[in-house]
Amino acid sequence: MATSRRRYSDLIRGYCEARSIQIPIGFKGKSASRYAIIYLEDPPRLVARTWTVQADVVYYLNNLAKDVPMQILDFKEGVEMIYKGGNHLHRDKPFMD
């Protein structure tokens, strides 16, 4: 069963609010996709953009990402993703129940 873009918005917003992660104004009111990035600064902050496919996340990481620690979260599968270089992400530990 596919998860709707509105549902991803709700999941991401709920996840961030429960953990005191800042949600940028640009995220509110938008529909979201399955992949989200959280910068682990102080305080942690959600990147306003989300992505549907791994290739777009990889492009962001290679070309636009800040040089700060971050989490890459797949809200469809409920797992954290790791980027080790190359063209795709690798599954890591679950982050949602």
PDB file of N, CA and C in Angstrom:
ATOM      1  N   MET A   1       0.833  -1.176   0.000  1.00  0.00           N
ATOM      2  CA  MET A   1       0.000   0.000   0.000  1.00  0.00           C
ATOM      3  C   MET A   1       0.886   1.251   0.000  1.00  0.00           C
ATOM      4  N   ALA A   2       0.665   2.103  -0.943  1.00  0.00           N
ATOM      5  CA  ALA A   2       1.484   3.300  -1.082  1.00  0.00           C
ATOM      6  C   ALA A   2       1.109   4.332  -0.022  1.00  0.00           C
ATOM      7  N   THR A   3       2.104   5.049   0.432  1.00  0.00           N
ATOM      8  CA  THR A   3       1.891   6.117   1.393  1.00  0.00           C
ATOM      9  C   THR A   3       1.742   7.416   0.613  1.00  0.00           C
ATOM     10  N   SER A   4       0.735   8.197   0.920  1.00  0.00           N
ATOM     11  CA  SER A   4       0.498   9.434   0.181  1.00  0.00           C
ATOM     12  C   SER A   4       1.493  10.515   0.602  1.00  0.00           C
ATOM     13  N   ARG A   5       1.661  11.494  -0.265  1.00  0.00           N
ATOM     14  CA  ARG A   5       2.562  12.612   0.023  1.00  0.00           C
ATOM     15  C   ARG A   5       2.092  13.360   1.268  1.00  0.00           C
ATOM     16  N   ARG A   6       0.787  13.503   1.459  1.00  0.00           N
ATOM     17  CA  ARG A   6       0.256  14.180   2.644  1.00  0.00           C
ATOM     18  C   ARG A   6       0.622  13.381   3.885  1.00  0.00           C
ATOM     19  N   ARG A   7       0.554  12.085   3.792  1.00  0.00           N
ATOM     20  CA  ARG A   7       0.904  11.231   4.924  1.00  0.00           C
ATOM     21  C   ARG A   7       2.378  11.401   5.291  1.00  0.00           C
ATOM     22  N   TYR A   8       3.257  11.484   4.284  1.00  0.00           N
ATOM     23  CA  TYR A   8       4.674  11.729   4.571  1.00  0.00           C
ATOM     24  C   TYR A   8       4.843  13.056   5.303  1.00  0.00           C
ATOM     25  N   SER A   9       4.135  14.073   4.886  1.00  0.00           N
ATOM     26  CA  SER A   9       4.208  15.368   5.574  1.00  0.00           C
ATOM     27  C   SER A   9       3.849  15.218   7.042  1.00  0.00           C
ATOM     28  N   ASP A  10       2.771  14.503   7.305  1.00  0.00           N
ATOM     29  CA  ASP A  10       2.335  14.294   8.683  1.00  0.00           C
ATOM     30  C   ASP A  10       3.350  13.480   9.481  1.00  0.00           C
ATOM     31  N   LEU A  11       3.895  12.415   8.874  1.00  0.00           N
ATOM     32  CA  LEU A  11       4.896  11.584   9.551  1.00  0.00           C
ATOM     33  C   LEU A  11       6.147  12.395   9.898  1.00  0.00           C
ATOM     34  N   ILE A  12       6.639  13.141   8.927  1.00  0.00           N
ATOM     35  CA  ILE A  12       7.866  13.915   9.118  1.00  0.00           C
ATOM     36  C   ILE A  12       7.634  14.999  10.166  1.00  0.00           C
ATOM     37  N   ARG A  13       6.527  15.706  10.053  1.00  0.00           N
ATOM     38  CA  ARG A  13       6.226  16.771  11.009  1.00  0.00           C
ATOM     39  C   ARG A  13       6.106  16.193  12.427  1.00  0.00           C
ATOM     40  N   GLY A  14       5.386  15.084  12.568  1.00  0.00           N
ATOM     41  CA  GLY A  14       5.235  14.455  13.879  1.00  0.00           C
ATOM     42  C   GLY A  14       6.553  13.986  14.458  1.00  0.00           C
ATOM     43  N   TYR A  15       7.394  13.385  13.622  1.00  0.00           N
ATOM     44  CA  TYR A  15       8.713  12.922  14.050  1.00  0.00           C
ATOM     45  C   TYR A  15       9.542  14.096  14.567  1.00  0.00           C
ATOM     46  N   CYS A  16       9.551  15.184  13.812  1.00  0.00           N
ATOM     47  CA  CYS A  16      10.350  16.351  14.189  1.00  0.00           C
ATOM     48  C   CYS A  16       9.810  17.019  15.450  1.00  0.00           C
ATOM     49  N   GLU A  17       8.511  17.181  15.533  1.00  0.00           N
ATOM     50  CA  GLU A  17       7.930  17.834  16.706  1.00  0.00           C
ATOM     51  C   GLU A  17       8.194  17.034  17.976  1.00  0.00           C
ATOM     52  N   ALA A  18       8.129  15.714  17.895  1.00  0.00           N
ATOM     53  CA  ALA A  18       8.356  14.857  19.067  1.00  0.00           C
ATOM     54  C   ALA A  18       9.804  14.917  19.547  1.00  0.00           C
ATOM     55  N   ARG A  19      10.723  15.338  18.678  1.00  0.00           N
ATOM     56  CA  ARG A  19      12.146  15.357  19.020  1.00  0.00           C
ATOM     57  C   ARG A  19      12.731  16.767  19.059  1.00  0.00           C
ATOM     58  N   SER A  20      11.873  17.765  19.036  1.00  0.00           N
ATOM     59  CA  SER A  20      12.300  19.179  19.056  1.00  0.00           C
ATOM     60  C   SER A  20      13.243  19.516  17.912  1.00  0.00           C
ATOM     61  N   ILE A  21      12.960  18.977  16.741  1.00  0.00           N
ATOM     62  CA  ILE A  21      13.727  19.277  15.532  1.00  0.00           C
ATOM     63  C   ILE A  21      13.030  20.442  14.842  1.00  0.00           C
ATOM     64  N   GLN A  22      13.782  21.482  14.529  1.00  0.00           N
ATOM     65  CA  GLN A  22      13.203  22.659  13.880  1.00  0.00           C
ATOM     66  C   GLN A  22      12.667  22.295  12.497  1.00  0.00           C
ATOM     67  N   ILE A  23      11.475  22.790  12.213  1.00  0.00           N
ATOM     68  CA  ILE A  23      10.845  22.576  10.906  1.00  0.00           C
ATOM     69  C   ILE A  23      10.834  23.920  10.192  1.00  0.00           C
ATOM     70  N   PRO A  24      11.505  24.025   9.046  1.00  0.00           N
ATOM     71  CA  PRO A  24      11.568  25.312   8.357  1.00  0.00           C
ATOM     72  C   PRO A  24      10.204  25.727   7.812  1.00  0.00           C
ATOM     73  N   ILE A  25       9.997  27.025   7.718  1.00  0.00           N
ATOM     74  CA  ILE A  25       8.737  27.555   7.200  1.00  0.00           C
ATOM     75  C   ILE A  25       8.447  26.975   5.823  1.00  0.00           C
ATOM     76  N   GLY A  26       9.467  26.771   5.003  1.00  0.00           N
ATOM     77  CA  GLY A  26       9.292  26.247   3.651  1.00  0.00           C
ATOM     78  C   GLY A  26       8.712  24.848   3.597  1.00  0.00           C
ATOM     79  N   PHE A  27       8.747  24.125   4.708  1.00  0.00           N
ATOM     80  CA  PHE A  27       8.207  22.768   4.733  1.00  0.00           C
ATOM     81  C   PHE A  27       6.711  22.759   5.012  1.00  0.00           C
ATOM     82  N   LYS A  28       6.272  23.690   5.824  1.00  0.00           N
ATOM     83  CA  LYS A  28       4.873  23.698   6.248  1.00  0.00           C
ATOM     84  C   LYS A  28       3.951  23.957   5.070  1.00  0.00           C
ATOM     85  N   GLY A  29       2.891  23.162   5.016  1.00  0.00           N
ATOM     86  CA  GLY A  29       1.901  23.322   3.968  1.00  0.00           C
ATOM     87  C   GLY A  29       2.247  22.621   2.663  1.00  0.00           C
ATOM     88  N   LYS A  30       3.457  22.081   2.559  1.00  0.00           N
ATOM     89  CA  LYS A  30       3.869  21.374   1.344  1.00  0.00           C
ATOM     90  C   LYS A  30       3.610  19.881   1.516  1.00  0.00           C
ATOM     91  N   SER A  31       3.367  19.217   0.409  1.00  0.00           N
ATOM     92  CA  SER A  31       3.337  17.764   0.484  1.00  0.00           C
ATOM     93  C   SER A  31       4.782  17.286   0.434  1.00  0.00           C
ATOM     94  N   ALA A  32       5.051  16.158   1.055  1.00  0.00           N
ATOM     95  CA  ALA A  32       6.427  15.681   1.184  1.00  0.00           C
ATOM     96  C   ALA A  32       6.591  14.318   0.513  1.00  0.00           C
ATOM     97  N   SER A  33       7.842  13.946   0.315  1.00  0.00           N
ATOM     98  CA  SER A  33       8.207  12.644  -0.240  1.00  0.00           C
ATOM     99  C   SER A  33       8.871  11.811   0.843  1.00  0.00           C
ATOM    100  N   ARG A  34       9.244  10.595   0.493  1.00  0.00           N
ATOM    101  CA  ARG A  34       9.678   9.612   1.487  1.00  0.00           C
ATOM    102  C   ARG A  34      11.021   9.895   2.153  1.00  0.00           C
ATOM    103  N   TYR A  35      11.989  10.504   1.452  1.00  0.00           N
ATOM    104  CA  TYR A  35      13.318  10.731   2.018  1.00  0.00           C
ATOM    105  C   TYR A  35      13.431  12.148   2.572  1.00  0.00           C
ATOM    106  N   ALA A  36      13.901  12.251   3.809  1.00  0.00           N
ATOM    107  CA  ALA A  36      14.101  13.544   4.454  1.00  0.00           C
ATOM    108  C   ALA A  36      15.496  13.570   5.079  1.00  0.00           C
ATOM    109  N   ILE A  37      16.042  14.780   5.186  1.00  0.00           N
ATOM    110  CA  ILE A  37      17.356  14.954   5.808  1.00  0.00           C
ATOM    111  C   ILE A  37      17.206  15.902   6.991  1.00  0.00           C
ATOM    112  N   ILE A  38      17.863  15.536   8.078  1.00  0.00           N
ATOM    113  CA  ILE A  38      17.889  16.377   9.267  1.00  0.00           C
ATOM    114  C   ILE A  38      19.340  16.719   9.552  1.00  0.00           C
ATOM    115  N   TYR A  39      19.631  18.028   9.571  1.00  0.00           N
ATOM    116  CA  TYR A  39      20.959  18.478   9.975  1.00  0.00           C
ATOM    117  C   TYR A  39      21.052  18.372  11.484  1.00  0.00           C
ATOM    118  N   LEU A  40      22.090  17.732  11.980  1.00  0.00           N
ATOM    119  CA  LEU A  40      22.262  17.494  13.407  1.00  0.00           C
ATOM    120  C   LEU A  40      23.068  18.600  14.067  1.00  0.00           C
ATOM    121  N   GLU A  41      22.685  19.824  13.779  1.00  0.00           N
ATOM    122  CA  GLU A  41      23.291  20.988  14.410  1.00  0.00           C
ATOM    123  C   GLU A  41      22.618  21.203  15.756  1.00  0.00           C
ATOM    124  N   ASP A  42      22.971  22.287  16.412  1.00  0.00           N
ATOM    125  CA  ASP A  42      22.322  22.617  17.683  1.00  0.00           C
ATOM    126  C   ASP A  42      21.543  23.902  17.490  1.00  0.00           C
ATOM    127  N   PRO A  43      20.258  23.860  17.352  1.00  0.00           N
ATOM    128  CA  PRO A  43      19.381  22.692  17.436  1.00  0.00           C
ATOM    129  C   PRO A  43      19.302  21.958  16.090  1.00  0.00           C
ATOM    130  N   PRO A  44      18.882  20.689  16.117  1.00  0.00           N
ATOM    131  CA  PRO A  44      18.724  19.947  14.870  1.00  0.00           C
ATOM    132  C   PRO A  44      17.644  20.598  14.006  1.00  0.00           C
ATOM    133  N   ARG A  45      17.810  20.473  12.674  1.00  0.00           N
ATOM    134  CA  ARG A  45      16.921  21.178  11.750  1.00  0.00           C
ATOM    135  C   ARG A  45      16.613  20.313  10.532  1.00  0.00           C
ATOM    136  N   LEU A  46      15.342  20.240  10.202  1.00  0.00           N
ATOM    137  CA  LEU A  46      14.887  19.532   9.007  1.00  0.00           C
ATOM    138  C   LEU A  46      15.221  20.349   7.768  1.00  0.00           C
ATOM    139  N   VAL A  47      15.687  19.692   6.719  1.00  0.00           N
ATOM    140  CA  VAL A  47      15.867  20.346   5.421  1.00  0.00           C
ATOM    141  C   VAL A  47      14.476  20.468   4.805  1.00  0.00           C
ATOM    142  N   ALA A  48      14.140  21.627   4.275  1.00  0.00           N
ATOM    143  CA  ALA A  48      12.782  21.878   3.775  1.00  0.00           C
ATOM    144  C   ALA A  48      12.415  20.968   2.604  1.00  0.00           C
ATOM    145  N   ARG A  49      13.367  20.557   1.833  1.00  0.00           N
ATOM    146  CA  ARG A  49      13.128  19.709   0.655  1.00  0.00           C
ATOM    147  C   ARG A  49      13.127  18.252   1.067  1.00  0.00           C
ATOM    148  N   THR A  50      12.236  17.453   0.439  1.00  0.00           N
ATOM    149  CA  THR A  50      12.264  15.997   0.589  1.00  0.00           C
ATOM    150  C   THR A  50      12.369  15.391  -0.811  1.00  0.00           C
ATOM    151  N   TRP A  51      12.632  14.089  -0.884  1.00  0.00           N
ATOM    152  CA  TRP A  51      12.905  13.461  -2.164  1.00  0.00           C
ATOM    153  C   TRP A  51      12.142  12.146  -2.308  1.00  0.00           C
ATOM    154  N   THR A  52      11.850  11.804  -3.558  1.00  0.00           N
ATOM    155  CA  THR A  52      11.136  10.572  -3.883  1.00  0.00           C
ATOM    156  C   THR A  52      12.100   9.441  -4.207  1.00  0.00           C
ATOM    157  N   VAL A  53      13.217   9.760  -4.846  1.00  0.00           N
ATOM    158  CA  VAL A  53      14.156   8.724  -5.289  1.00  0.00           C
ATOM    159  C   VAL A  53      15.550   8.971  -4.701  1.00  0.00           C
ATOM    160  N   GLN A  54      16.273   7.891  -4.500  1.00  0.00           N
ATOM    161  CA  GLN A  54      17.610   7.962  -3.914  1.00  0.00           C
ATOM    162  C   GLN A  54      18.574   8.790  -4.756  1.00  0.00           C
ATOM    163  N   ALA A  55      18.469   8.708  -6.063  1.00  0.00           N
ATOM    164  CA  ALA A  55      19.396   9.442  -6.934  1.00  0.00           C
ATOM    165  C   ALA A  55      19.348  10.938  -6.664  1.00  0.00           C
ATOM    166  N   ASP A  56      18.177  11.468  -6.374  1.00  0.00           N
ATOM    167  CA  ASP A  56      18.055  12.895  -6.073  1.00  0.00           C
ATOM    168  C   ASP A  56      18.665  13.228  -4.711  1.00  0.00           C
ATOM    169  N   VAL A  57      18.538  12.316  -3.746  1.00  0.00           N
ATOM    170  CA  VAL A  57      19.171  12.510  -2.436  1.00  0.00           C
ATOM    171  C   VAL A  57      20.686  12.507  -2.608  1.00  0.00           C
ATOM    172  N   VAL A  58      21.202  11.570  -3.376  1.00  0.00           N
ATOM    173  CA  VAL A  58      22.643  11.476  -3.619  1.00  0.00           C
ATOM    174  C   VAL A  58      23.153  12.752  -4.296  1.00  0.00           C
ATOM    175  N   TYR A  59      22.405  13.272  -5.263  1.00  0.00           N
ATOM    176  CA  TYR A  59      22.800  14.522  -5.914  1.00  0.00           C
ATOM    177  C   TYR A  59      22.881  15.643  -4.879  1.00  0.00           C
ATOM    178  N   TYR A  60      21.875  15.745  -4.031  1.00  0.00           N
ATOM    179  CA  TYR A  60      21.872  16.770  -2.984  1.00  0.00           C
ATOM    180  C   TYR A  60      23.098  16.616  -2.083  1.00  0.00           C
ATOM    181  N   LEU A  61      23.377  15.391  -1.657  1.00  0.00           N
ATOM    182  CA  LEU A  61      24.506  15.145  -0.766  1.00  0.00           C
ATOM    183  C   LEU A  61      25.831  15.515  -1.417  1.00  0.00           C
ATOM    184  N   ASN A  62      25.971  15.241  -2.699  1.00  0.00           N
ATOM    185  CA  ASN A  62      27.222  15.514  -3.412  1.00  0.00           C
ATOM    186  C   ASN A  62      27.393  16.980  -3.792  1.00  0.00           C
ATOM    187  N   ASN A  63      26.292  17.693  -3.989  1.00  0.00           N
ATOM    188  CA  ASN A  63      26.388  19.033  -4.555  1.00  0.00           C
ATOM    189  C   ASN A  63      25.860  20.173  -3.687  1.00  0.00           C
ATOM    190  N   LEU A  64      24.925  19.897  -2.804  1.00  0.00           N
ATOM    191  CA  LEU A  64      24.264  20.990  -2.099  1.00  0.00           C
ATOM    192  C   LEU A  64      24.287  20.872  -0.584  1.00  0.00           C
ATOM    193  N   ALA A  65      24.604  19.723  -0.054  1.00  0.00           N
ATOM    194  CA  ALA A  65      24.529  19.502   1.392  1.00  0.00           C
ATOM    195  C   ALA A  65      25.599  20.315   2.117  1.00  0.00           C
ATOM    196  N   LYS A  66      25.236  20.770   3.303  1.00  0.00           N
ATOM    197  CA  LYS A  66      26.189  21.458   4.170  1.00  0.00           C
ATOM    198  C   LYS A  66      27.167  20.431   4.727  1.00  0.00           C
ATOM    199  N   ASP A  67      28.284  20.921   5.166  1.00  0.00           N
ATOM    200  CA  ASP A  67      29.298  20.045   5.753  1.00  0.00           C
ATOM    201  C   ASP A  67      29.052  19.921   7.256  1.00  0.00           C
ATOM    202  N   VAL A  68      27.895  19.346   7.606  1.00  0.00           N
ATOM    203  CA  VAL A  68      27.528  19.117   9.008  1.00  0.00           C
ATOM    204  C   VAL A  68      26.999  17.688   9.125  1.00  0.00           C
ATOM    205  N   PRO A  69      27.065  17.119  10.320  1.00  0.00           N
ATOM    206  CA  PRO A  69      26.479  15.796  10.507  1.00  0.00           C
ATOM    207  C   PRO A  69      24.983  15.835  10.182  1.00  0.00           C
ATOM    208  N   MET A  70      24.486  14.747   9.635  1.00  0.00           N
ATOM    209  CA  MET A  70      23.079  14.694   9.261  1.00  0.00           C
ATOM    210  C   MET A  70      22.542  13.285   9.336  1.00  0.00           C
ATOM    211  N   GLN A  71      21.239  13.190   9.388  1.00  0.00           N
ATOM    212  CA  GLN A  71      20.526  11.919   9.283  1.00  0.00           C
ATOM    213  C   GLN A  71      19.760  11.941   7.974  1.00  0.00           C
ATOM    214  N   ILE A  72      19.760  10.803   7.296  1.00  0.00           N
ATOM    215  CA  ILE A  72      18.934  10.627   6.109  1.00  0.00           C
ATOM    216  C   ILE A  72      17.885   9.595   6.495  1.00  0.00           C
ATOM    217  N   LEU A  73      16.623   9.982   6.429  1.00  0.00           N
ATOM    218  CA  LEU A  73      15.553   9.114   6.896  1.00  0.00           C
ATOM    219  C   LEU A  73      14.619   8.745   5.761  1.00  0.00           C
ATOM    220  N   ASP A  74      14.287   7.458   5.688  1.00  0.00           N
ATOM    221  CA  ASP A  74      13.320   6.943   4.715  1.00  0.00           C
ATOM    222  C   ASP A  74      12.007   6.717   5.470  1.00  0.00           C
ATOM    223  N   PHE A  75      11.046   7.593   5.263  1.00  0.00           N
ATOM    224  CA  PHE A  75       9.783   7.504   5.983  1.00  0.00           C
ATOM    225  C   PHE A  75       8.848   6.459   5.403  1.00  0.00           C
ATOM    226  N   LYS A  76       9.164   5.900   4.244  1.00  0.00           N
ATOM    227  CA  LYS A  76       8.364   4.798   3.709  1.00  0.00           C
ATOM    228  C   LYS A  76       8.717   3.501   4.430  1.00  0.00           C
ATOM    229  N   GLU A  77      10.001   3.244   4.595  1.00  0.00           N
ATOM    230  CA  GLU A  77      10.472   2.012   5.217  1.00  0.00           C
ATOM    231  C   GLU A  77      10.721   2.158   6.721  1.00  0.00           C
ATOM    232  N   GLY A  78      10.807   3.409   7.204  1.00  0.00           N
ATOM    233  CA  GLY A  78      11.059   3.640   8.631  1.00  0.00           C
ATOM    234  C   GLY A  78      12.483   3.322   9.046  1.00  0.00           C
ATOM    235  N   VAL A  79      13.434   3.523   8.129  1.00  0.00           N
ATOM    236  CA  VAL A  79      14.835   3.230   8.434  1.00  0.00           C
ATOM    237  C   VAL A  79      15.711   4.439   8.126  1.00  0.00           C
ATOM    238  N   GLU A  80      16.803   4.525   8.884  1.00  0.00           N
ATOM    239  CA  GLU A  80      17.817   5.530   8.604  1.00  0.00           C
ATOM    240  C   GLU A  80      18.655   5.017   7.440  1.00  0.00           C
ATOM    241  N   MET A  81      19.086   5.922   6.585  1.00  0.00           N
ATOM    242  CA  MET A  81      19.912   5.561   5.442  1.00  0.00           C
ATOM    243  C   MET A  81      21.303   6.142   5.637  1.00  0.00           C
ATOM    244  N   ILE A  82      22.290   5.487   5.048  1.00  0.00           N
ATOM    245  CA  ILE A  82      23.680   5.941   5.120  1.00  0.00           C
ATOM    246  C   ILE A  82      24.194   6.098   3.695  1.00  0.00           C
ATOM    247  N   TYR A  83      24.936   7.174   3.479  1.00  0.00           N
ATOM    248  CA  TYR A  83      25.563   7.384   2.179  1.00  0.00           C
ATOM    249  C   TYR A  83      27.050   7.105   2.320  1.00  0.00           C
ATOM    250  N   LYS A  84      27.539   6.134   1.525  1.00  0.00           N
ATOM    251  CA  LYS A  84      28.943   5.743   1.567  1.00  0.00           C
ATOM    252  C   LYS A  84      29.655   6.092   0.269  1.00  0.00           C
ATOM    253  N   GLY A  85      29.066   6.973  -0.509  1.00  0.00           N
ATOM    254  CA  GLY A  85      29.602   7.292  -1.824  1.00  0.00           C
ATOM    255  C   GLY A  85      28.878   6.468  -2.877  1.00  0.00           C
ATOM    256  N   GLY A  86      29.176   6.737  -4.114  1.00  0.00           N
ATOM    257  CA  GLY A  86      28.529   5.997  -5.184  1.00  0.00           C
ATOM    258  C   GLY A  86      27.165   6.573  -5.535  1.00  0.00           C
ATOM    259  N   ASN A  87      26.292   5.705  -6.042  1.00  0.00           N
ATOM    260  CA  ASN A  87      25.024   6.159  -6.592  1.00  0.00           C
ATOM    261  C   ASN A  87      23.795   5.819  -5.769  1.00  0.00           C
ATOM    262  N   HIS A  88      23.992   5.225  -4.597  1.00  0.00           N
ATOM    263  CA  HIS A  88      22.800   4.888  -3.817  1.00  0.00           C
ATOM    264  C   HIS A  88      23.075   4.945  -2.316  1.00  0.00           C
ATOM    265  N   LEU A  89      21.986   4.869  -1.576  1.00  0.00           N
ATOM    266  CA  LEU A  89      22.038   4.889  -0.118  1.00  0.00           C
ATOM    267  C   LEU A  89      21.971   3.466   0.413  1.00  0.00           C
ATOM    268  N   HIS A  90      22.434   3.265   1.622  1.00  0.00           N
ATOM    269  CA  HIS A  90      22.407   1.957   2.262  1.00  0.00           C
ATOM    270  C   HIS A  90      21.495   2.000   3.481  1.00  0.00           C
ATOM    271  N   ARG A  91      20.715   0.958   3.653  1.00  0.00           N
ATOM    272  CA  ARG A  91      19.825   0.861   4.815  1.00  0.00           C
ATOM    273  C   ARG A  91      20.650   0.703   6.089  1.00  0.00           C
ATOM    274  N   ASP A  92      20.168   1.360   7.143  1.00  0.00           N
ATOM    275  CA  ASP A  92      20.790   1.228   8.462  1.00  0.00           C
ATOM    276  C   ASP A  92      19.702   0.798   9.435  1.00  0.00           C
ATOM    277  N   LYS A  93      19.685   1.367  10.592  1.00  0.00           N
ATOM    278  CA  LYS A  93      18.777   0.935  11.661  1.00  0.00           C
ATOM    279  C   LYS A  93      17.384   1.580  11.509  1.00  0.00           C
ATOM    280  N   PRO A  94      16.370   0.908  12.036  1.00  0.00           N
ATOM    281  CA  PRO A  94      15.035   1.509  12.051  1.00  0.00           C
ATOM    282  C   PRO A  94      15.015   2.731  12.966  1.00  0.00           C
ATOM    283  N   PHE A  95      14.180   3.702  12.637  1.00  0.00           N
ATOM    284  CA  PHE A  95      14.044   4.886  13.489  1.00  0.00           C
ATOM    285  C   PHE A  95      12.612   5.109  13.931  1.00  0.00           C
ATOM    286  N   MET A  96      11.679   4.342  13.405  1.00  0.00           N
ATOM    287  CA  MET A  96      10.266   4.464  13.782  1.00  0.00           C
ATOM    288  C   MET A  96       9.765   3.103  14.259  1.00  0.00           C
ATOM    289  N   ASP A  97       8.763   3.147  15.136  1.00  0.00           N
ATOM    290  CA  ASP A  97       8.159   1.896  15.611  1.00  0.00           C
ATOM    291  C   ASP A  97       7.230   1.331  14.570  1.00  0.00           C
TER     292      ASP A  97
END
